[in-house]
Structures are given as structure tokens and as C-alpha cells.
Amino acid sequence: MRQTFVEWARQTINTSFWAGAYYRQQRNKGSSHQAAVRALAFKWIRILFRCWQTRTPYNESTYLNALKRRGSPLLKQLGAAT
């Protein structure tokens, strides 16, 4: 199952704004491609588990707003926290 999440996370890099930004952030820190994708998969697992717990569908804009509210360095780094 872990490999399935890793493969799926790799596909989200080009389709999800924050996932692509997170992947690039990890690569800029010096992580290998595989390590960056595994870190992204771990993030997705936490998000999806929370959606499952609260029985709410995933919504990218809701997640981006949560990152903005928390002052995420990911959004600040990209200049998207305006």
C-alpha cells in the first residue's frame, strides 16, 4: 500500500499546486527525487486520513486556505500568501 501512495503522490506533483510546491521545496533542501516523493506521500496520507475522520471530501482551496491561516512557510516561500 505504501508504494501505491508514493506512485499516486508522484502523479499529484503536476496537478496540485501545493503538492508541486512541496515537492520542489523538498528538492531545494537537497532531498533526492524519491525522498521528496515519499515526503509528499506522507503529507497526502495525513490529509486523506483527516478527510476520512471528518467524512469530508478533499478540497484543494480549503487546504490552501488552511496553509495561509497557519502562515505556512511553503506559501510564504512561493509568495502566494498574499
PDB file of N, CA and C in Angstrom:
ATOM      1  N   MET A   1       0.827  -1.189   0.000  1.00  0.00           N
ATOM      2  CA  MET A   1       0.000   0.000   0.000  1.00  0.00           C
ATOM      3  C   MET A   1       0.876   1.260   0.000  1.00  0.00           C
ATOM      4  N   ARG A   2       1.999   1.200   0.690  1.00  0.00           N
ATOM      5  CA  ARG A   2       2.881   2.366   0.740  1.00  0.00           C
ATOM      6  C   ARG A   2       3.325   2.765  -0.663  1.00  0.00           C
ATOM      7  N   GLN A   3       3.677   1.771  -1.480  1.00  0.00           N
ATOM      8  CA  GLN A   3       4.117   2.053  -2.844  1.00  0.00           C
ATOM      9  C   GLN A   3       3.004   2.709  -3.658  1.00  0.00           C
ATOM     10  N   THR A   4       1.772   2.307  -3.410  1.00  0.00           N
ATOM     11  CA  THR A   4       0.630   2.903  -4.112  1.00  0.00           C
ATOM     12  C   THR A   4       0.527   4.390  -3.788  1.00  0.00           C
ATOM     13  N   PHE A   5       0.685   4.751  -2.521  1.00  0.00           N
ATOM     14  CA  PHE A   5       0.641   6.161  -2.141  1.00  0.00           C
ATOM     15  C   PHE A   5       1.791   6.940  -2.773  1.00  0.00           C
ATOM     16  N   VAL A   6       2.963   6.338  -2.815  1.00  0.00           N
ATOM     17  CA  VAL A   6       4.114   7.019  -3.401  1.00  0.00           C
ATOM     18  C   VAL A   6       3.871   7.270  -4.886  1.00  0.00           C
ATOM     19  N   GLU A   7       3.376   6.265  -5.596  1.00  0.00           N
ATOM     20  CA  GLU A   7       3.110   6.435  -7.026  1.00  0.00           C
ATOM     21  C   GLU A   7       2.017   7.471  -7.261  1.00  0.00           C
ATOM     22  N   TRP A   8       0.987   7.439  -6.432  1.00  0.00           N
ATOM     23  CA  TRP A   8      -0.095   8.415  -6.574  1.00  0.00           C
ATOM     24  C   TRP A   8       0.411   9.826  -6.267  1.00  0.00           C
ATOM     25  N   ALA A   9       1.214   9.958  -5.220  1.00  0.00           N
ATOM     26  CA  ALA A   9       1.749  11.277  -4.849  1.00  0.00           C
ATOM     27  C   ALA A   9       2.581  11.847  -5.994  1.00  0.00           C
ATOM     28  N   ARG A  10       3.333  10.992  -6.669  1.00  0.00           N
ATOM     29  CA  ARG A  10       4.146  11.454  -7.801  1.00  0.00           C
ATOM     30  C   ARG A  10       3.253  12.052  -8.893  1.00  0.00           C
ATOM     31  N   GLN A  11       2.081  11.492  -9.092  1.00  0.00           N
ATOM     32  CA  GLN A  11       1.164  11.996 -10.112  1.00  0.00           C
ATOM     33  C   GLN A  11       0.546  13.340  -9.718  1.00  0.00           C
ATOM     34  N   THR A  12       0.483  13.637  -8.432  1.00  0.00           N
ATOM     35  CA  THR A  12      -0.139  14.888  -7.988  1.00  0.00           C
ATOM     36  C   THR A  12       0.796  16.089  -8.096  1.00  0.00           C
ATOM     37  N   ILE A  13       2.064  15.851  -8.328  1.00  0.00           N
ATOM     38  CA  ILE A  13       3.027  16.954  -8.398  1.00  0.00           C
ATOM     39  C   ILE A  13       2.630  17.960  -9.477  1.00  0.00           C
ATOM     40  N   ASN A  14       2.115  17.474 -10.591  1.00  0.00           N
ATOM     41  CA  ASN A  14       1.753  18.360 -11.700  1.00  0.00           C
ATOM     42  C   ASN A  14       0.295  18.799 -11.677  1.00  0.00           C
ATOM     43  N   THR A  15      -0.506  18.231 -10.782  1.00  0.00           N
ATOM     44  CA  THR A  15      -1.933  18.560 -10.791  1.00  0.00           C
ATOM     45  C   THR A  15      -2.392  19.332  -9.563  1.00  0.00           C
ATOM     46  N   SER A  16      -1.592  19.344  -8.527  1.00  0.00           N
ATOM     47  CA  SER A  16      -1.950  20.044  -7.297  1.00  0.00           C
ATOM     48  C   SER A  16      -0.920  21.142  -7.029  1.00  0.00           C
ATOM     49  N   PHE A  17      -1.408  22.358  -6.838  1.00  0.00           N
ATOM     50  CA  PHE A  17      -0.498  23.490  -6.621  1.00  0.00           C
ATOM     51  C   PHE A  17       0.416  23.255  -5.429  1.00  0.00           C
ATOM     52  N   TRP A  18      -0.172  22.931  -4.280  1.00  0.00           N
ATOM     53  CA  TRP A  18       0.649  22.796  -3.078  1.00  0.00           C
ATOM     54  C   TRP A  18       1.548  21.566  -3.165  1.00  0.00           C
ATOM     55  N   ALA A  19       1.089  20.502  -3.797  1.00  0.00           N
ATOM     56  CA  ALA A  19       1.913  19.290  -3.894  1.00  0.00           C
ATOM     57  C   ALA A  19       3.163  19.556  -4.731  1.00  0.00           C
ATOM     58  N   GLY A  20       2.978  20.256  -5.835  1.00  0.00           N
ATOM     59  CA  GLY A  20       4.134  20.609  -6.657  1.00  0.00           C
ATOM     60  C   GLY A  20       5.093  21.520  -5.921  1.00  0.00           C
ATOM     61  N   ALA A  21       4.543  22.477  -5.190  1.00  0.00           N
ATOM     62  CA  ALA A  21       5.381  23.399  -4.422  1.00  0.00           C
ATOM     63  C   ALA A  21       6.123  22.658  -3.313  1.00  0.00           C
ATOM     64  N   TYR A  22       5.437  21.733  -2.657  1.00  0.00           N
ATOM     65  CA  TYR A  22       6.067  20.968  -1.581  1.00  0.00           C
ATOM     66  C   TYR A  22       7.193  20.090  -2.133  1.00  0.00           C
ATOM     67  N   TYR A  23       6.935  19.453  -3.275  1.00  0.00           N
ATOM     68  CA  TYR A  23       7.958  18.622  -3.910  1.00  0.00           C
ATOM     69  C   TYR A  23       9.189  19.463  -4.247  1.00  0.00           C
ATOM     70  N   ARG A  24       8.978  20.627  -4.867  1.00  0.00           N
ATOM     71  CA  ARG A  24      10.112  21.495  -5.212  1.00  0.00           C
ATOM     72  C   ARG A  24      10.845  21.989  -3.969  1.00  0.00           C
ATOM     73  N   GLN A  25      10.101  22.267  -2.901  1.00  0.00           N
ATOM     74  CA  GLN A  25      10.723  22.698  -1.655  1.00  0.00           C
ATOM     75  C   GLN A  25      11.640  21.598  -1.116  1.00  0.00           C
ATOM     76  N   GLN A  26      11.164  20.368  -1.154  1.00  0.00           N
ATOM     77  CA  GLN A  26      11.978  19.248  -0.680  1.00  0.00           C
ATOM     78  C   GLN A  26      13.223  19.064  -1.540  1.00  0.00           C
ATOM     79  N   ARG A  27      13.074  19.197  -2.845  1.00  0.00           N
ATOM     80  CA  ARG A  27      14.222  19.054  -3.751  1.00  0.00           C
ATOM     81  C   ARG A  27      15.231  20.177  -3.503  1.00  0.00           C
ATOM     82  N   ASN A  28      14.741  21.394  -3.262  1.00  0.00           N
ATOM     83  CA  ASN A  28      15.648  22.517  -2.991  1.00  0.00           C
ATOM     84  C   ASN A  28      16.409  22.330  -1.692  1.00  0.00           C
ATOM     85  N   LYS A  29      15.830  21.578  -0.760  1.00  0.00           N
ATOM     86  CA  LYS A  29      16.518  21.288   0.501  1.00  0.00           C
ATOM     87  C   LYS A  29      17.601  20.230   0.322  1.00  0.00           C
ATOM     88  N   GLY A  30      17.644  19.612  -0.854  1.00  0.00           N
ATOM     89  CA  GLY A  30      18.665  18.618  -1.125  1.00  0.00           C
ATOM     90  C   GLY A  30      18.174  17.176  -1.102  1.00  0.00           C
ATOM     91  N   SER A  31      16.881  16.978  -0.973  1.00  0.00           N
ATOM     92  CA  SER A  31      16.338  15.619  -0.978  1.00  0.00           C
ATOM     93  C   SER A  31      16.388  15.044  -2.391  1.00  0.00           C
ATOM     94  N   SER A  32      16.574  13.740  -2.460  1.00  0.00           N
ATOM     95  CA  SER A  32      16.516  13.072  -3.758  1.00  0.00           C
ATOM     96  C   SER A  32      15.077  13.063  -4.251  1.00  0.00           C
ATOM     97  N   HIS A  33      14.892  12.711  -5.510  1.00  0.00           N
ATOM     98  CA  HIS A  33      13.537  12.653  -6.073  1.00  0.00           C
ATOM     99  C   HIS A  33      12.679  11.702  -5.251  1.00  0.00           C
ATOM    100  N   GLN A  34      13.191  10.512  -4.977  1.00  0.00           N
ATOM    101  CA  GLN A  34      12.413   9.512  -4.239  1.00  0.00           C
ATOM    102  C   GLN A  34      12.077   9.979  -2.826  1.00  0.00           C
ATOM    103  N   ALA A  35      13.033  10.602  -2.157  1.00  0.00           N
ATOM    104  CA  ALA A  35      12.778  11.081  -0.796  1.00  0.00           C
ATOM    105  C   ALA A  35      11.721  12.190  -0.797  1.00  0.00           C
ATOM    106  N   ALA A  36      11.773  13.066  -1.793  1.00  0.00           N
ATOM    107  CA  ALA A  36      10.796  14.149  -1.888  1.00  0.00           C
ATOM    108  C   ALA A  36       9.401  13.592  -2.161  1.00  0.00           C
ATOM    109  N   VAL A  37       9.308  12.584  -3.017  1.00  0.00           N
ATOM    110  CA  VAL A  37       8.008  11.984  -3.321  1.00  0.00           C
ATOM    111  C   VAL A  37       7.478  11.239  -2.100  1.00  0.00           C
ATOM    112  N   ARG A  38       8.350  10.550  -1.370  1.00  0.00           N
ATOM    113  CA  ARG A  38       7.912   9.855  -0.145  1.00  0.00           C
ATOM    114  C   ARG A  38       7.408  10.844   0.893  1.00  0.00           C
ATOM    115  N   ALA A  39       8.078  11.987   1.034  1.00  0.00           N
ATOM    116  CA  ALA A  39       7.625  13.015   1.981  1.00  0.00           C
ATOM    117  C   ALA A  39       6.265  13.559   1.556  1.00  0.00           C
ATOM    118  N   LEU A  40       6.084  13.745   0.268  1.00  0.00           N
ATOM    119  CA  LEU A  40       4.798  14.213  -0.256  1.00  0.00           C
ATOM    120  C   LEU A  40       3.708  13.177  -0.004  1.00  0.00           C
ATOM    121  N   ALA A  41       4.029  11.913  -0.196  1.00  0.00           N
ATOM    122  CA  ALA A  41       3.057  10.842   0.052  1.00  0.00           C
ATOM    123  C   ALA A  41       2.636  10.843   1.520  1.00  0.00           C
ATOM    124  N   PHE A  42       3.587  11.055   2.421  1.00  0.00           N
ATOM    125  CA  PHE A  42       3.262  11.102   3.842  1.00  0.00           C
ATOM    126  C   PHE A  42       2.300  12.247   4.141  1.00  0.00           C
ATOM    127  N   LYS A  43       2.542  13.405   3.507  1.00  0.00           N
ATOM    128  CA  LYS A  43       1.630  14.544   3.689  1.00  0.00           C
ATOM    129  C   LYS A  43       0.231  14.186   3.200  1.00  0.00           C
ATOM    130  N   TRP A  44       0.138  13.561   2.028  1.00  0.00           N
ATOM    131  CA  TRP A  44      -1.158  13.174   1.486  1.00  0.00           C
ATOM    132  C   TRP A  44      -1.881  12.193   2.409  1.00  0.00           C
ATOM    133  N   ILE A  45      -1.142  11.265   2.966  1.00  0.00           N
ATOM    134  CA  ILE A  45      -1.762  10.287   3.880  1.00  0.00           C
ATOM    135  C   ILE A  45      -2.399  11.008   5.057  1.00  0.00           C
ATOM    136  N   ARG A  46      -1.695  11.970   5.633  1.00  0.00           N
ATOM    137  CA  ARG A  46      -2.244  12.720   6.766  1.00  0.00           C
ATOM    138  C   ARG A  46      -3.489  13.501   6.368  1.00  0.00           C
ATOM    139  N   ILE A  47      -3.471  14.116   5.198  1.00  0.00           N
ATOM    140  CA  ILE A  47      -4.628  14.889   4.722  1.00  0.00           C
ATOM    141  C   ILE A  47      -5.817  13.975   4.483  1.00  0.00           C
ATOM    142  N   LEU A  48      -5.590  12.889   3.776  1.00  0.00           N
ATOM    143  CA  LEU A  48      -6.686  11.974   3.461  1.00  0.00           C
ATOM    144  C   LEU A  48      -7.246  11.297   4.703  1.00  0.00           C
ATOM    145  N   PHE A  49      -6.381  11.005   5.665  1.00  0.00           N
ATOM    146  CA  PHE A  49      -6.860  10.408   6.912  1.00  0.00           C
ATOM    147  C   PHE A  49      -7.783  11.379   7.642  1.00  0.00           C
ATOM    148  N   ARG A  50      -7.414  12.651   7.639  1.00  0.00           N
ATOM    149  CA  ARG A  50      -8.261  13.664   8.280  1.00  0.00           C
ATOM    150  C   ARG A  50      -9.601  13.787   7.553  1.00  0.00           C
ATOM    151  N   CYS A  51      -9.561  13.765   6.225  1.00  0.00           N
ATOM    152  CA  CYS A  51     -10.812  13.807   5.457  1.00  0.00           C
ATOM    153  C   CYS A  51     -11.685  12.605   5.799  1.00  0.00           C
ATOM    154  N   TRP A  52     -11.068  11.461   5.949  1.00  0.00           N
ATOM    155  CA  TRP A  52     -11.815  10.257   6.293  1.00  0.00           C
ATOM    156  C   TRP A  52     -12.421  10.376   7.689  1.00  0.00           C
ATOM    157  N   GLN A  53     -11.644  10.896   8.641  1.00  0.00           N
ATOM    158  CA  GLN A  53     -12.130  11.058  10.014  1.00  0.00           C
ATOM    159  C   GLN A  53     -13.331  11.995  10.080  1.00  0.00           C
ATOM    160  N   THR A  54     -13.256  13.090   9.360  1.00  0.00           N
ATOM    161  CA  THR A  54     -14.326  14.088   9.422  1.00  0.00           C
ATOM    162  C   THR A  54     -15.410  13.850   8.379  1.00  0.00           C
ATOM    163  N   ARG A  55     -15.197  12.854   7.541  1.00  0.00           N
ATOM    164  CA  ARG A  55     -16.150  12.489   6.478  1.00  0.00           C
ATOM    165  C   ARG A  55     -16.439  13.673   5.551  1.00  0.00           C
ATOM    166  N   THR A  56     -15.366  14.358   5.188  1.00  0.00           N
ATOM    167  CA  THR A  56     -15.487  15.479   4.256  1.00  0.00           C
ATOM    168  C   THR A  56     -14.615  15.197   3.035  1.00  0.00           C
ATOM    169  N   PRO A  57     -15.068  15.586   1.852  1.00  0.00           N
ATOM    170  CA  PRO A  57     -14.238  15.390   0.659  1.00  0.00           C
ATOM    171  C   PRO A  57     -13.066  16.369   0.657  1.00  0.00           C
ATOM    172  N   TYR A  58     -11.986  15.960   0.017  1.00  0.00           N
ATOM    173  CA  TYR A  58     -10.821  16.825  -0.102  1.00  0.00           C
ATOM    174  C   TYR A  58     -11.147  17.990  -1.023  1.00  0.00           C
ATOM    175  N   ASN A  59     -10.715  19.182  -0.607  1.00  0.00           N
ATOM    176  CA  ASN A  59     -10.914  20.378  -1.414  1.00  0.00           C
ATOM    177  C   ASN A  59      -9.611  21.167  -1.380  1.00  0.00           C
ATOM    178  N   GLU A  60      -8.987  21.309  -2.535  1.00  0.00           N
ATOM    179  CA  GLU A  60      -7.690  21.978  -2.606  1.00  0.00           C
ATOM    180  C   GLU A  60      -7.741  23.404  -2.062  1.00  0.00           C
ATOM    181  N   SER A  61      -8.782  24.153  -2.378  1.00  0.00           N
ATOM    182  CA  SER A  61      -8.847  25.540  -1.905  1.00  0.00           C
ATOM    183  C   SER A  61      -8.987  25.598  -0.383  1.00  0.00           C
ATOM    184  N   THR A  62      -9.700  24.658   0.202  1.00  0.00           N
ATOM    185  CA  THR A  62      -9.811  24.607   1.662  1.00  0.00           C
ATOM    186  C   THR A  62      -8.443  24.366   2.286  1.00  0.00           C
ATOM    187  N   TYR A  63      -7.677  23.452   1.681  1.00  0.00           N
ATOM    188  CA  TYR A  63      -6.337  23.157   2.208  1.00  0.00           C
ATOM    189  C   TYR A  63      -5.408  24.360   2.039  1.00  0.00           C
ATOM    190  N   LEU A  64      -5.472  25.027   0.899  1.00  0.00           N
ATOM    191  CA  LEU A  64      -4.628  26.205   0.695  1.00  0.00           C
ATOM    192  C   LEU A  64      -4.984  27.319   1.674  1.00  0.00           C
ATOM    193  N   ASN A  65      -6.274  27.495   1.955  1.00  0.00           N
ATOM    194  CA  ASN A  65      -6.683  28.492   2.944  1.00  0.00           C
ATOM    195  C   ASN A  65      -6.178  28.133   4.330  1.00  0.00           C
ATOM    196  N   ALA A  66      -6.170  26.846   4.667  1.00  0.00           N
ATOM    197  CA  ALA A  66      -5.648  26.410   5.965  1.00  0.00           C
ATOM    198  C   ALA A  66      -4.150  26.691   6.054  1.00  0.00           C
ATOM    199  N   LEU A  67      -3.427  26.461   4.970  1.00  0.00           N
ATOM    200  CA  LEU A  67      -1.991  26.770   4.963  1.00  0.00           C
ATOM    201  C   LEU A  67      -1.767  28.269   5.154  1.00  0.00           C
ATOM    202  N   LYS A  68      -2.602  29.065   4.505  1.00  0.00           N
ATOM    203  CA  LYS A  68      -2.479  30.520   4.618  1.00  0.00           C
ATOM    204  C   LYS A  68      -2.779  30.979   6.044  1.00  0.00           C
ATOM    205  N   ARG A  69      -3.844  30.431   6.640  1.00  0.00           N
ATOM    206  CA  ARG A  69      -4.212  30.790   8.020  1.00  0.00           C
ATOM    207  C   ARG A  69      -3.096  30.456   9.000  1.00  0.00           C
ATOM    208  N   ARG A  70      -2.422  29.356   8.773  1.00  0.00           N
ATOM    209  CA  ARG A  70      -1.357  28.923   9.686  1.00  0.00           C
ATOM    210  C   ARG A  70      -0.013  29.570   9.379  1.00  0.00           C
ATOM    211  N   GLY A  71       0.028  30.398   8.340  1.00  0.00           N
ATOM    212  CA  GLY A  71       1.277  31.062   7.991  1.00  0.00           C
ATOM    213  C   GLY A  71       2.334  30.081   7.512  1.00  0.00           C
ATOM    214  N   SER A  72       1.925  29.156   6.680  1.00  0.00           N
ATOM    215  CA  SER A  72       2.823  28.111   6.182  1.00  0.00           C
ATOM    216  C   SER A  72       4.035  28.691   5.459  1.00  0.00           C
ATOM    217  N   PRO A  73       5.209  28.230   5.801  1.00  0.00           N
ATOM    218  CA  PRO A  73       6.408  28.701   5.079  1.00  0.00           C
ATOM    219  C   PRO A  73       6.380  28.272   3.611  1.00  0.00           C
ATOM    220  N   LEU A  74       5.628  27.234   3.303  1.00  0.00           N
ATOM    221  CA  LEU A  74       5.516  26.793   1.918  1.00  0.00           C
ATOM    222  C   LEU A  74       4.889  27.888   1.062  1.00  0.00           C
ATOM    223  N   LEU A  75       3.820  28.485   1.519  1.00  0.00           N
ATOM    224  CA  LEU A  75       3.181  29.552   0.756  1.00  0.00           C
ATOM    225  C   LEU A  75       3.994  30.846   0.808  1.00  0.00           C
ATOM    226  N   LYS A  76       4.619  31.103   1.936  1.00  0.00           N
ATOM    227  CA  LYS A  76       5.436  32.316   2.038  1.00  0.00           C
ATOM    228  C   LYS A  76       6.617  32.246   1.076  1.00  0.00           C
ATOM    229  N   GLN A  77       7.214  31.087   0.970  1.00  0.00           N
ATOM    230  CA  GLN A  77       8.359  30.901   0.082  1.00  0.00           C
ATOM    231  C   GLN A  77       7.968  31.169  -1.364  1.00  0.00           C
ATOM    232  N   LEU A  78       6.771  30.803  -1.728  1.00  0.00           N
ATOM    233  CA  LEU A  78       6.311  30.979  -3.109  1.00  0.00           C
ATOM    234  C   LEU A  78       5.705  32.353  -3.348  1.00  0.00           C
ATOM    235  N   GLY A  79       5.537  33.124  -2.298  1.00  0.00           N
ATOM    236  CA  GLY A  79       4.936  34.436  -2.452  1.00  0.00           C
ATOM    237  C   GLY A  79       3.431  34.362  -2.693  1.00  0.00           C
ATOM    238  N   ALA A  80       2.826  33.231  -2.305  1.00  0.00           N
ATOM    239  CA  ALA A  80       1.394  33.032  -2.542  1.00  0.00           C
ATOM    240  C   ALA A  80       0.572  33.396  -1.315  1.00  0.00           C
ATOM    241  N   ALA A  81       1.202  33.800  -0.253  1.00  0.00           N
ATOM    242  CA  ALA A  81       0.461  34.108   0.984  1.00  0.00           C
ATOM    243  C   ALA A  81       0.103  35.588   1.022  1.00  0.00           C
ATOM    244  N   THR A  82      -0.607  36.015   0.022  1.00  0.00           N
ATOM    245  CA  THR A  82      -0.996  37.426  -0.013  1.00  0.00           C
ATOM    246  C   THR A  82      -2.386  37.624   0.489  1.00  0.00           C
TER     247      THR A  82
END
